[in-house]
């Protein structure tokens, strides 16, 4: 089976199968940056060039999945699709051009699936929280290592959304940074608070990029990144430094994907603000996330078709 996460900034796919002994074998795990959500916050529409990019990437993913013998593929859209007034057009265009059905996932389900996928391959405590900083939204969830989710919520604040509103030029001015911080704090305040004694796992590009910068690893080097712990002080220092750098200086950092260079400053600011507001001292990096949660759910349904 294959699960595709069509986010505001990235398109990710994981392919896996259930083994007879109960293990999940991962056959493929790929990602590309499509920036489907460019301009959606302002115009409430996915632009034609973004639809073209997404269709091209989804076509590549479908071919990869079919080459691995995938029998069932599920693609889901998150914040940018939820916000887009032309979501029906986006869904129908993808169906017509690629032959892939795109399903809209609401914020609560996104948080729940992210929680389920974030811990895949990690040694996690019995109770933990998850934060997923996306391009258009941020999801949080708290639950048990059994997979039971106690709470999940979503806020309309993400790295692309903050960048487009406040960081049109890098580095941003002091006033722009203050405005962005106020907007982030207001959005995060709408989420349920997570006690400071609950360990936090972070997923998605902001967290993995900061983890890569801290370890010197390539962005998706699971061996170095998955389970790496980033302290609040380290994140705060990185955030301060990024907010003082130009786009060219950020782009020159080896661990930062060129297509993420314009939004990592905003993403780091969101993560720092979240940890500060909750009194959390560190975050554990996970290179997994919502696509893994969907895959696990799909495979569980396959095992129990009733």
C-alpha atoms as a PDB file:
ATOM      1  CA  UNK A   1       0.000   0.000   0.000  1.00  0.00           C
ATOM      2  CA  UNK A   2       1.055   3.607  -0.536  1.00  0.00           C
ATOM      3  CA  UNK A   3       0.091   6.744   1.395  1.00  0.00           C
ATOM      4  CA  UNK A   4       0.671  10.198  -0.097  1.00  0.00           C
ATOM      5  CA  UNK A   5       0.651  13.394   1.960  1.00  0.00           C
ATOM      6  CA  UNK A   6      -0.109  16.436  -0.201  1.00  0.00           C
ATOM      7  CA  UNK A   7       0.721  19.329   2.079  1.00  0.00           C
ATOM      8  CA  UNK A   8       1.004  23.081   1.738  1.00  0.00           C
ATOM      9  CA  UNK A   9       4.720  22.836   0.997  1.00  0.00           C
ATOM     10  CA  UNK A  10       5.643  19.203   0.324  1.00  0.00           C
ATOM     11  CA  UNK A  11       4.418  16.046  -1.369  1.00  0.00           C
ATOM     12  CA  UNK A  12       5.500  12.895   0.470  1.00  0.00           C
ATOM     13  CA  UNK A  13       4.868   9.206  -0.163  1.00  0.00           C
ATOM     14  CA  UNK A  14       5.557   6.100   1.875  1.00  0.00           C
ATOM     15  CA  UNK A  15       5.070   2.571   0.530  1.00  0.00           C
ATOM     16  CA  UNK A  16       4.845  -0.360   2.907  1.00  0.00           C
ATOM     17  CA  UNK A  17       3.471  -3.817   3.458  1.00  0.00           C
ATOM     18  CA  UNK A  18       2.451  -5.939   6.412  1.00  0.00           C
ATOM     19  CA  UNK A  19       4.665  -8.964   7.051  1.00  0.00           C
ATOM     20  CA  UNK A  20       3.369 -12.298   8.337  1.00  0.00           C
ATOM     21  CA  UNK A  21       5.113 -11.737  11.677  1.00  0.00           C
ATOM     22  CA  UNK A  22       3.263  -8.455  12.233  1.00  0.00           C
ATOM     23  CA  UNK A  23       6.109  -6.124  11.249  1.00  0.00           C
ATOM     24  CA  UNK A  24       5.637  -3.274   8.784  1.00  0.00           C
ATOM     25  CA  UNK A  25       8.216  -3.300   5.997  1.00  0.00           C
ATOM     26  CA  UNK A  26       8.863   0.100   4.396  1.00  0.00           C
ATOM     27  CA  UNK A  27       9.581  -0.270   0.673  1.00  0.00           C
ATOM     28  CA  UNK A  28       9.902   3.383  -0.352  1.00  0.00           C
ATOM     29  CA  UNK A  29       9.826   6.812   1.284  1.00  0.00           C
ATOM     30  CA  UNK A  30      10.147   9.873  -0.945  1.00  0.00           C
ATOM     31  CA  UNK A  31       9.530  13.588  -0.739  1.00  0.00           C
ATOM     32  CA  UNK A  32       9.530  16.632  -2.990  1.00  0.00           C
ATOM     33  CA  UNK A  33       8.684  20.284  -2.453  1.00  0.00           C
ATOM     34  CA  UNK A  34       5.747  21.435  -4.585  1.00  0.00           C
ATOM     35  CA  UNK A  35       4.649  24.564  -2.653  1.00  0.00           C
ATOM     36  CA  UNK A  36       1.019  23.887  -3.530  1.00  0.00           C
ATOM     37  CA  UNK A  37      -0.019  26.428  -0.933  1.00  0.00           C
ATOM     38  CA  UNK A  38       1.848  29.380  -2.447  1.00  0.00           C
ATOM     39  CA  UNK A  39      -0.565  32.325  -2.340  1.00  0.00           C
ATOM     40  CA  UNK A  40      -3.459  30.314  -0.886  1.00  0.00           C
ATOM     41  CA  UNK A  41      -3.438  32.295   2.377  1.00  0.00           C
ATOM     42  CA  UNK A  42      -3.960  35.550   0.448  1.00  0.00           C
ATOM     43  CA  UNK A  43      -5.994  34.475  -2.582  1.00  0.00           C
ATOM     44  CA  UNK A  44      -7.732  31.343  -1.253  1.00  0.00           C
ATOM     45  CA  UNK A  45      -6.947  29.505  -4.474  1.00  0.00           C
ATOM     46  CA  UNK A  46      -4.391  26.909  -5.530  1.00  0.00           C
ATOM     47  CA  UNK A  47      -2.650  28.447  -8.545  1.00  0.00           C
ATOM     48  CA  UNK A  48      -2.526  26.673 -11.957  1.00  0.00           C
ATOM     49  CA  UNK A  49       1.276  26.287 -11.890  1.00  0.00           C
ATOM     50  CA  UNK A  50       1.041  24.654  -8.456  1.00  0.00           C
ATOM     51  CA  UNK A  51      -1.580  22.203  -9.734  1.00  0.00           C
ATOM     52  CA  UNK A  52       0.755  21.363 -12.629  1.00  0.00           C
ATOM     53  CA  UNK A  53       3.671  20.704 -10.246  1.00  0.00           C
ATOM     54  CA  UNK A  54       1.540  18.521  -8.004  1.00  0.00           C
ATOM     55  CA  UNK A  55       0.182  16.491 -10.927  1.00  0.00           C
ATOM     56  CA  UNK A  56       3.692  15.899 -12.239  1.00  0.00           C
ATOM     57  CA  UNK A  57       4.938  14.713  -8.841  1.00  0.00           C
ATOM     58  CA  UNK A  58       1.894  12.545  -8.182  1.00  0.00           C
ATOM     59  CA  UNK A  59       2.324  10.921 -11.586  1.00  0.00           C
ATOM     60  CA  UNK A  60       5.934  10.068 -10.680  1.00  0.00           C
ATOM     61  CA  UNK A  61       4.834   8.699  -7.315  1.00  0.00           C
ATOM     62  CA  UNK A  62       2.113   6.570  -8.859  1.00  0.00           C
ATOM     63  CA  UNK A  63       4.625   5.039 -11.269  1.00  0.00           C
ATOM     64  CA  UNK A  64       7.038   4.294  -8.394  1.00  0.00           C
ATOM     65  CA  UNK A  65       4.264   2.713  -6.358  1.00  0.00           C
ATOM     66  CA  UNK A  66       3.027   0.571  -9.235  1.00  0.00           C
ATOM     67  CA  UNK A  67       6.583  -0.611  -9.930  1.00  0.00           C
ATOM     68  CA  UNK A  68       6.638  -1.922  -6.345  1.00  0.00           C
ATOM     69  CA  UNK A  69       3.397  -3.804  -6.860  1.00  0.00           C
ATOM     70  CA  UNK A  70       1.190  -1.472  -4.838  1.00  0.00           C
ATOM     71  CA  UNK A  71      -2.442  -2.577  -4.915  1.00  0.00           C
ATOM     72  CA  UNK A  72      -3.950   0.413  -3.134  1.00  0.00           C
ATOM     73  CA  UNK A  73      -2.848   4.056  -3.037  1.00  0.00           C
ATOM     74  CA  UNK A  74      -4.419   6.803  -0.952  1.00  0.00           C
ATOM     75  CA  UNK A  75      -3.601  10.503  -1.317  1.00  0.00           C
ATOM     76  CA  UNK A  76      -4.809  13.140   1.106  1.00  0.00           C
ATOM     77  CA  UNK A  77      -4.631  16.924   1.206  1.00  0.00           C
ATOM     78  CA  UNK A  78      -4.218  19.047   4.307  1.00  0.00           C
ATOM     79  CA  UNK A  79      -4.171  22.781   5.098  1.00  0.00           C
ATOM     80  CA  UNK A  80      -3.794  24.295   1.610  1.00  0.00           C
ATOM     81  CA  UNK A  81      -6.568  22.106   0.235  1.00  0.00           C
ATOM     82  CA  UNK A  82      -8.812  22.921   3.199  1.00  0.00           C
ATOM     83  CA  UNK A  83      -8.287  26.657   2.640  1.00  0.00           C
ATOM     84  CA  UNK A  84      -8.678  26.658  -1.156  1.00  0.00           C
ATOM     85  CA  UNK A  85     -11.944  27.906  -2.635  1.00  0.00           C
ATOM     86  CA  UNK A  86     -11.122  25.887  -5.772  1.00  0.00           C
ATOM     87  CA  UNK A  87     -10.487  22.604  -3.937  1.00  0.00           C
ATOM     88  CA  UNK A  88     -13.106  20.820  -6.079  1.00  0.00           C
ATOM     89  CA  UNK A  89     -11.211  21.845  -9.217  1.00  0.00           C
ATOM     90  CA  UNK A  90      -7.908  20.677  -7.696  1.00  0.00           C
ATOM     91  CA  UNK A  91      -9.347  17.285  -6.742  1.00  0.00           C
ATOM     92  CA  UNK A  92     -11.008  16.719 -10.128  1.00  0.00           C
ATOM     93  CA  UNK A  93      -7.920  17.837 -12.081  1.00  0.00           C
ATOM     94  CA  UNK A  94      -5.692  15.415 -10.181  1.00  0.00           C
ATOM     95  CA  UNK A  95      -8.204  12.616 -10.760  1.00  0.00           C
ATOM     96  CA  UNK A  96      -8.397  13.344 -14.491  1.00  0.00           C
ATOM     97  CA  UNK A  97      -4.679  13.845 -15.141  1.00  0.00           C
ATOM     98  CA  UNK A  98      -3.139  11.353 -12.743  1.00  0.00           C
ATOM     99  CA  UNK A  99      -5.889   8.890 -11.914  1.00  0.00           C
ATOM    100  CA  UNK A 100      -5.367   9.422  -8.190  1.00  0.00           C
ATOM    101  CA  UNK A 101      -8.228  10.215  -5.834  1.00  0.00           C
ATOM    102  CA  UNK A 102      -7.344  13.061  -3.459  1.00  0.00           C
ATOM    103  CA  UNK A 103      -9.156  13.151  -0.124  1.00  0.00           C
ATOM    104  CA  UNK A 104      -9.382  16.256   2.070  1.00  0.00           C
ATOM    105  CA  UNK A 105      -8.356  15.608   5.689  1.00  0.00           C
ATOM    106  CA  UNK A 106      -9.598  17.929   8.431  1.00  0.00           C
ATOM    107  CA  UNK A 107      -7.294  19.340  11.088  1.00  0.00           C
ATOM    108  CA  UNK A 108      -8.350  16.931  13.837  1.00  0.00           C
ATOM    109  CA  UNK A 109      -7.778  13.856  11.665  1.00  0.00           C
ATOM    110  CA  UNK A 110      -4.473  15.299  10.477  1.00  0.00           C
ATOM    111  CA  UNK A 111      -3.313  15.624  14.090  1.00  0.00           C
ATOM    112  CA  UNK A 112      -4.525  12.109  14.949  1.00  0.00           C
ATOM    113  CA  UNK A 113      -2.774  10.493  11.968  1.00  0.00           C
ATOM    114  CA  UNK A 114       0.385  12.476  12.657  1.00  0.00           C
ATOM    115  CA  UNK A 115       0.429  11.213  16.247  1.00  0.00           C
ATOM    116  CA  UNK A 116       0.107   7.645  15.057  1.00  0.00           C
ATOM    117  CA  UNK A 117       2.882   7.972  12.493  1.00  0.00           C
ATOM    118  CA  UNK A 118       5.383  10.093  14.428  1.00  0.00           C
ATOM    119  CA  UNK A 119       6.431   7.309  16.789  1.00  0.00           C
ATOM    120  CA  UNK A 120       7.073   4.738  14.037  1.00  0.00           C
ATOM    121  CA  UNK A 121      10.576   3.349  14.583  1.00  0.00           C
ATOM    122  CA  UNK A 122      11.178   5.354  17.770  1.00  0.00           C
ATOM    123  CA  UNK A 123      11.537   4.266  21.386  1.00  0.00           C
ATOM    124  CA  UNK A 124       8.830   6.459  22.905  1.00  0.00           C
ATOM    125  CA  UNK A 125       7.615   6.906  26.489  1.00  0.00           C
ATOM    126  CA  UNK A 126       4.202   5.621  27.547  1.00  0.00           C
ATOM    127  CA  UNK A 127       2.678   9.091  27.082  1.00  0.00           C
ATOM    128  CA  UNK A 128       3.896  11.796  24.744  1.00  0.00           C
ATOM    129  CA  UNK A 129       2.881  14.747  22.612  1.00  0.00           C
ATOM    130  CA  UNK A 130       3.450  15.488  18.939  1.00  0.00           C
ATOM    131  CA  UNK A 131       3.794  18.780  17.071  1.00  0.00           C
ATOM    132  CA  UNK A 132       3.596  18.972  13.282  1.00  0.00           C
ATOM    133  CA  UNK A 133       4.561  22.372  11.862  1.00  0.00           C
ATOM    134  CA  UNK A 134       3.321  22.395   8.301  1.00  0.00           C
ATOM    135  CA  UNK A 135       3.215  25.060   5.650  1.00  0.00           C
ATOM    136  CA  UNK A 136      -0.270  26.307   6.424  1.00  0.00           C
ATOM    137  CA  UNK A 137      -1.153  24.847   9.798  1.00  0.00           C
ATOM    138  CA  UNK A 138       0.275  23.377  12.975  1.00  0.00           C
ATOM    139  CA  UNK A 139      -1.165  20.253  14.581  1.00  0.00           C
ATOM    140  CA  UNK A 140      -0.669  18.948  18.098  1.00  0.00           C
ATOM    141  CA  UNK A 141      -1.721  15.690  19.716  1.00  0.00           C
ATOM    142  CA  UNK A 142      -1.199  13.900  23.018  1.00  0.00           C
ATOM    143  CA  UNK A 143      -1.685  10.209  23.638  1.00  0.00           C
ATOM    144  CA  UNK A 144      -0.295   6.841  24.658  1.00  0.00           C
ATOM    145  CA  UNK A 145       2.243   4.495  23.138  1.00  0.00           C
ATOM    146  CA  UNK A 146      -0.678   2.141  22.468  1.00  0.00           C
ATOM    147  CA  UNK A 147      -1.742   4.588  19.748  1.00  0.00           C
ATOM    148  CA  UNK A 148      -4.669   5.979  21.749  1.00  0.00           C
ATOM    149  CA  UNK A 149      -5.009   9.743  21.156  1.00  0.00           C
ATOM    150  CA  UNK A 150      -6.255  11.709  24.154  1.00  0.00           C
ATOM    151  CA  UNK A 151      -6.449  15.078  22.426  1.00  0.00           C
ATOM    152  CA  UNK A 152      -5.699  16.541  19.022  1.00  0.00           C
ATOM    153  CA  UNK A 153      -6.088  20.020  17.591  1.00  0.00           C
ATOM    154  CA  UNK A 154      -5.028  22.214  14.684  1.00  0.00           C
ATOM    155  CA  UNK A 155      -4.240  25.919  14.300  1.00  0.00           C
ATOM    156  CA  UNK A 156      -3.973  27.939  11.096  1.00  0.00           C
ATOM    157  CA  UNK A 157      -0.337  28.911  11.525  1.00  0.00           C
ATOM    158  CA  UNK A 158       2.434  27.408   9.416  1.00  0.00           C
ATOM    159  CA  UNK A 159       5.800  28.253   7.898  1.00  0.00           C
ATOM    160  CA  UNK A 160       4.462  29.261   4.474  1.00  0.00           C
ATOM    161  CA  UNK A 161       1.539  31.232   5.910  1.00  0.00           C
ATOM    162  CA  UNK A 162       3.770  33.223   8.307  1.00  0.00           C
ATOM    163  CA  UNK A 163       6.385  33.829   5.604  1.00  0.00           C
ATOM    164  CA  UNK A 164       3.847  35.176   3.113  1.00  0.00           C
ATOM    165  CA  UNK A 165       2.270  37.480   5.685  1.00  0.00           C
ATOM    166  CA  UNK A 166       5.367  38.877   7.379  1.00  0.00           C
ATOM    167  CA  UNK A 167       8.672  37.736   5.862  1.00  0.00           C
ATOM    168  CA  UNK A 168       8.487  38.854   2.232  1.00  0.00           C
ATOM    169  CA  UNK A 169      12.083  40.061   2.592  1.00  0.00           C
ATOM    170  CA  UNK A 170      14.844  38.312   4.522  1.00  0.00           C
ATOM    171  CA  UNK A 171      16.008  39.161   7.042  1.00  0.00           C
ATOM    172  CA  UNK A 172      12.715  40.558   8.349  1.00  0.00           C
ATOM    173  CA  UNK A 173      12.695  43.832  10.231  1.00  0.00           C
ATOM    174  CA  UNK A 174      12.320  43.886  13.990  1.00  0.00           C
ATOM    175  CA  UNK A 175       8.740  45.058  13.567  1.00  0.00           C
ATOM    176  CA  UNK A 176       7.915  42.231  11.163  1.00  0.00           C
ATOM    177  CA  UNK A 177       9.402  39.682  13.548  1.00  0.00           C
ATOM    178  CA  UNK A 178       7.359  41.093  16.437  1.00  0.00           C
ATOM    179  CA  UNK A 179       4.170  40.993  14.354  1.00  0.00           C
ATOM    180  CA  UNK A 180       4.894  37.422  13.288  1.00  0.00           C
ATOM    181  CA  UNK A 181       5.588  36.382  16.877  1.00  0.00           C
ATOM    182  CA  UNK A 182       2.310  37.930  18.031  1.00  0.00           C
ATOM    183  CA  UNK A 183       0.362  36.156  15.285  1.00  0.00           C
ATOM    184  CA  UNK A 184       2.047  32.829  16.094  1.00  0.00           C
ATOM    185  CA  UNK A 185       1.424  33.214  19.832  1.00  0.00           C
ATOM    186  CA  UNK A 186      -2.230  34.072  19.246  1.00  0.00           C
ATOM    187  CA  UNK A 187      -2.754  31.047  16.993  1.00  0.00           C
ATOM    188  CA  UNK A 188      -0.939  28.651  19.328  1.00  0.00           C
ATOM    189  CA  UNK A 189      -2.905  29.974  22.308  1.00  0.00           C
ATOM    190  CA  UNK A 190      -6.049  28.557  20.686  1.00  0.00           C
ATOM    191  CA  UNK A 191      -4.635  25.036  21.079  1.00  0.00           C
ATOM    192  CA  UNK A 192      -5.023  22.943  24.247  1.00  0.00           C
ATOM    193  CA  UNK A 193      -1.977  23.303  26.482  1.00  0.00           C
ATOM    194  CA  UNK A 194       0.393  20.350  26.814  1.00  0.00           C
ATOM    195  CA  UNK A 195       1.939  19.923  30.259  1.00  0.00           C
ATOM    196  CA  UNK A 196       5.663  20.652  30.374  1.00  0.00           C
ATOM    197  CA  UNK A 197       6.366  17.190  31.797  1.00  0.00           C
ATOM    198  CA  UNK A 198       5.032  15.464  28.655  1.00  0.00           C
ATOM    199  CA  UNK A 199       7.830  14.667  26.153  1.00  0.00           C
ATOM    200  CA  UNK A 200       7.339  16.245  22.718  1.00  0.00           C
ATOM    201  CA  UNK A 201       8.057  14.652  19.337  1.00  0.00           C
ATOM    202  CA  UNK A 202       8.348  16.989  16.357  1.00  0.00           C
ATOM    203  CA  UNK A 203       7.677  16.031  12.741  1.00  0.00           C
ATOM    204  CA  UNK A 204       7.840  17.662   9.292  1.00  0.00           C
ATOM    205  CA  UNK A 205      10.365  19.816   7.476  1.00  0.00           C
ATOM    206  CA  UNK A 206      11.025  22.523  10.047  1.00  0.00           C
ATOM    207  CA  UNK A 207      11.981  20.054  12.769  1.00  0.00           C
ATOM    208  CA  UNK A 208      13.974  17.721  10.508  1.00  0.00           C
ATOM    209  CA  UNK A 209      15.834  20.667   8.967  1.00  0.00           C
ATOM    210  CA  UNK A 210      16.791  22.086  12.372  1.00  0.00           C
ATOM    211  CA  UNK A 211      17.803  18.592  13.436  1.00  0.00           C
ATOM    212  CA  UNK A 212      19.959  18.243  10.331  1.00  0.00           C
ATOM    213  CA  UNK A 213      21.623  21.588  11.072  1.00  0.00           C
ATOM    214  CA  UNK A 214      22.346  20.461  14.631  1.00  0.00           C
ATOM    215  CA  UNK A 215      23.775  17.066  13.640  1.00  0.00           C
ATOM    216  CA  UNK A 216      25.310  17.996  10.294  1.00  0.00           C
ATOM    217  CA  UNK A 217      23.197  15.272   8.657  1.00  0.00           C
ATOM    218  CA  UNK A 218      21.400  15.407   5.348  1.00  0.00           C
ATOM    219  CA  UNK A 219      17.740  16.331   5.904  1.00  0.00           C
ATOM    220  CA  UNK A 220      16.416  12.784   5.654  1.00  0.00           C
ATOM    221  CA  UNK A 221      19.278  10.750   7.132  1.00  0.00           C
ATOM    222  CA  UNK A 222      17.145   8.583   9.403  1.00  0.00           C
ATOM    223  CA  UNK A 223      20.139   7.112  11.174  1.00  0.00           C
ATOM    224  CA  UNK A 224      21.262  10.477  12.527  1.00  0.00           C
ATOM    225  CA  UNK A 225      17.961  12.330  12.669  1.00  0.00           C
ATOM    226  CA  UNK A 226      15.251   9.981  13.882  1.00  0.00           C
ATOM    227  CA  UNK A 227      15.190  10.260  17.666  1.00  0.00           C
ATOM    228  CA  UNK A 228      17.679  13.150  17.845  1.00  0.00           C
ATOM    229  CA  UNK A 229      16.846  15.591  20.633  1.00  0.00           C
ATOM    230  CA  UNK A 230      16.912  19.342  20.073  1.00  0.00           C
ATOM    231  CA  UNK A 231      17.076  21.518  23.172  1.00  0.00           C
ATOM    232  CA  UNK A 232      15.054  24.709  23.481  1.00  0.00           C
ATOM    233  CA  UNK A 233      18.282  26.702  23.829  1.00  0.00           C
ATOM    234  CA  UNK A 234      19.626  25.253  20.569  1.00  0.00           C
ATOM    235  CA  UNK A 235      16.372  25.996  18.740  1.00  0.00           C
ATOM    236  CA  UNK A 236      16.256  29.519  20.154  1.00  0.00           C
ATOM    237  CA  UNK A 237      19.846  30.168  19.044  1.00  0.00           C
ATOM    238  CA  UNK A 238      19.142  28.815  15.549  1.00  0.00           C
ATOM    239  CA  UNK A 239      15.979  30.900  15.294  1.00  0.00           C
ATOM    240  CA  UNK A 240      17.776  34.102  16.310  1.00  0.00           C
ATOM    241  CA  UNK A 241      20.521  33.451  13.772  1.00  0.00           C
ATOM    242  CA  UNK A 242      18.118  32.617  10.927  1.00  0.00           C
ATOM    243  CA  UNK A 243      16.129  35.795  11.583  1.00  0.00           C
ATOM    244  CA  UNK A 244      19.309  37.816  10.995  1.00  0.00           C
ATOM    245  CA  UNK A 245      20.265  36.175   7.698  1.00  0.00           C
ATOM    246  CA  UNK A 246      19.448  36.936   4.088  1.00  0.00           C
ATOM    247  CA  UNK A 247      17.819  34.393   1.793  1.00  0.00           C
ATOM    248  CA  UNK A 248      21.184  33.803   0.109  1.00  0.00           C
ATOM    249  CA  UNK A 249      22.921  33.175   3.434  1.00  0.00           C
ATOM    250  CA  UNK A 250      20.247  30.703   4.511  1.00  0.00           C
ATOM    251  CA  UNK A 251      20.310  28.972   1.137  1.00  0.00           C
ATOM    252  CA  UNK A 252      24.063  28.459   1.537  1.00  0.00           C
ATOM    253  CA  UNK A 253      23.584  26.353   4.693  1.00  0.00           C
ATOM    254  CA  UNK A 254      24.268  22.769   3.507  1.00  0.00           C
ATOM    255  CA  UNK A 255      21.429  21.150   5.448  1.00  0.00           C
ATOM    256  CA  UNK A 256      18.720  23.486   4.141  1.00  0.00           C
ATOM    257  CA  UNK A 257      16.898  22.522   0.956  1.00  0.00           C
ATOM    258  CA  UNK A 258      16.984  25.469  -1.448  1.00  0.00           C
ATOM    259  CA  UNK A 259      13.183  25.334  -1.718  1.00  0.00           C
ATOM    260  CA  UNK A 260      12.848  25.572   2.070  1.00  0.00           C
ATOM    261  CA  UNK A 261      15.290  28.449   2.550  1.00  0.00           C
ATOM    262  CA  UNK A 262      12.620  31.149   2.432  1.00  0.00           C
ATOM    263  CA  UNK A 263      10.347  29.532   5.062  1.00  0.00           C
ATOM    264  CA  UNK A 264      12.688  27.951   7.628  1.00  0.00           C
ATOM    265  CA  UNK A 265      12.993  31.220   9.603  1.00  0.00           C
ATOM    266  CA  UNK A 266       9.224  31.256  10.119  1.00  0.00           C
ATOM    267  CA  UNK A 267       9.118  27.552  10.928  1.00  0.00           C
ATOM    268  CA  UNK A 268      11.852  27.845  13.548  1.00  0.00           C
ATOM    269  CA  UNK A 269      10.045  30.799  15.122  1.00  0.00           C
ATOM    270  CA  UNK A 270       6.834  28.744  15.412  1.00  0.00           C
ATOM    271  CA  UNK A 271       8.683  25.856  17.057  1.00  0.00           C
ATOM    272  CA  UNK A 272      10.498  28.149  19.486  1.00  0.00           C
ATOM    273  CA  UNK A 273       7.258  29.897  20.437  1.00  0.00           C
ATOM    274  CA  UNK A 274       5.439  26.593  20.979  1.00  0.00           C
ATOM    275  CA  UNK A 275       8.150  25.254  23.287  1.00  0.00           C
ATOM    276  CA  UNK A 276       8.408  28.545  25.183  1.00  0.00           C
ATOM    277  CA  UNK A 277       4.652  28.825  25.747  1.00  0.00           C
ATOM    278  CA  UNK A 278       4.464  25.269  27.070  1.00  0.00           C
ATOM    279  CA  UNK A 279       7.653  25.354  29.125  1.00  0.00           C
ATOM    280  CA  UNK A 280       9.133  22.461  27.143  1.00  0.00           C
ATOM    281  CA  UNK A 281      12.912  22.101  27.247  1.00  0.00           C
ATOM    282  CA  UNK A 282      13.426  19.917  24.173  1.00  0.00           C
ATOM    283  CA  UNK A 283      11.814  18.191  21.206  1.00  0.00           C
ATOM    284  CA  UNK A 284      12.618  14.762  19.758  1.00  0.00           C
ATOM    285  CA  UNK A 285      12.976  14.700  15.969  1.00  0.00           C
ATOM    286  CA  UNK A 286      10.889  12.243  13.952  1.00  0.00           C
ATOM    287  CA  UNK A 287      11.373  11.841  10.208  1.00  0.00           C
ATOM    288  CA  UNK A 288       8.003  10.100   9.983  1.00  0.00           C
ATOM    289  CA  UNK A 289       4.617  11.770  10.382  1.00  0.00           C
ATOM    290  CA  UNK A 290       1.154  11.813   8.906  1.00  0.00           C
ATOM    291  CA  UNK A 291       1.885   9.633   5.867  1.00  0.00           C
ATOM    292  CA  UNK A 292       3.091   6.881   8.209  1.00  0.00           C
ATOM    293  CA  UNK A 293      -0.042   7.271  10.313  1.00  0.00           C
ATOM    294  CA  UNK A 294      -2.220   6.831   7.246  1.00  0.00           C
ATOM    295  CA  UNK A 295      -0.195   3.829   6.071  1.00  0.00           C
ATOM    296  CA  UNK A 296      -0.511   2.155   9.484  1.00  0.00           C
ATOM    297  CA  UNK A 297      -4.257   2.787   9.457  1.00  0.00           C
ATOM    298  CA  UNK A 298      -4.608   1.392   5.934  1.00  0.00           C
ATOM    299  CA  UNK A 299      -2.646  -1.739   6.816  1.00  0.00           C
ATOM    300  CA  UNK A 300      -4.662  -2.227  10.011  1.00  0.00           C
ATOM    301  CA  UNK A 301      -7.876  -2.079   7.990  1.00  0.00           C
ATOM    302  CA  UNK A 302      -6.419  -4.592   5.547  1.00  0.00           C
ATOM    303  CA  UNK A 303      -5.786  -7.001   8.412  1.00  0.00           C
ATOM    304  CA  UNK A 304      -9.287  -6.475   9.820  1.00  0.00           C
ATOM    305  CA  UNK A 305     -11.513  -5.849   6.790  1.00  0.00           C
ATOM    306  CA  UNK A 306     -14.641  -6.052   8.920  1.00  0.00           C
END
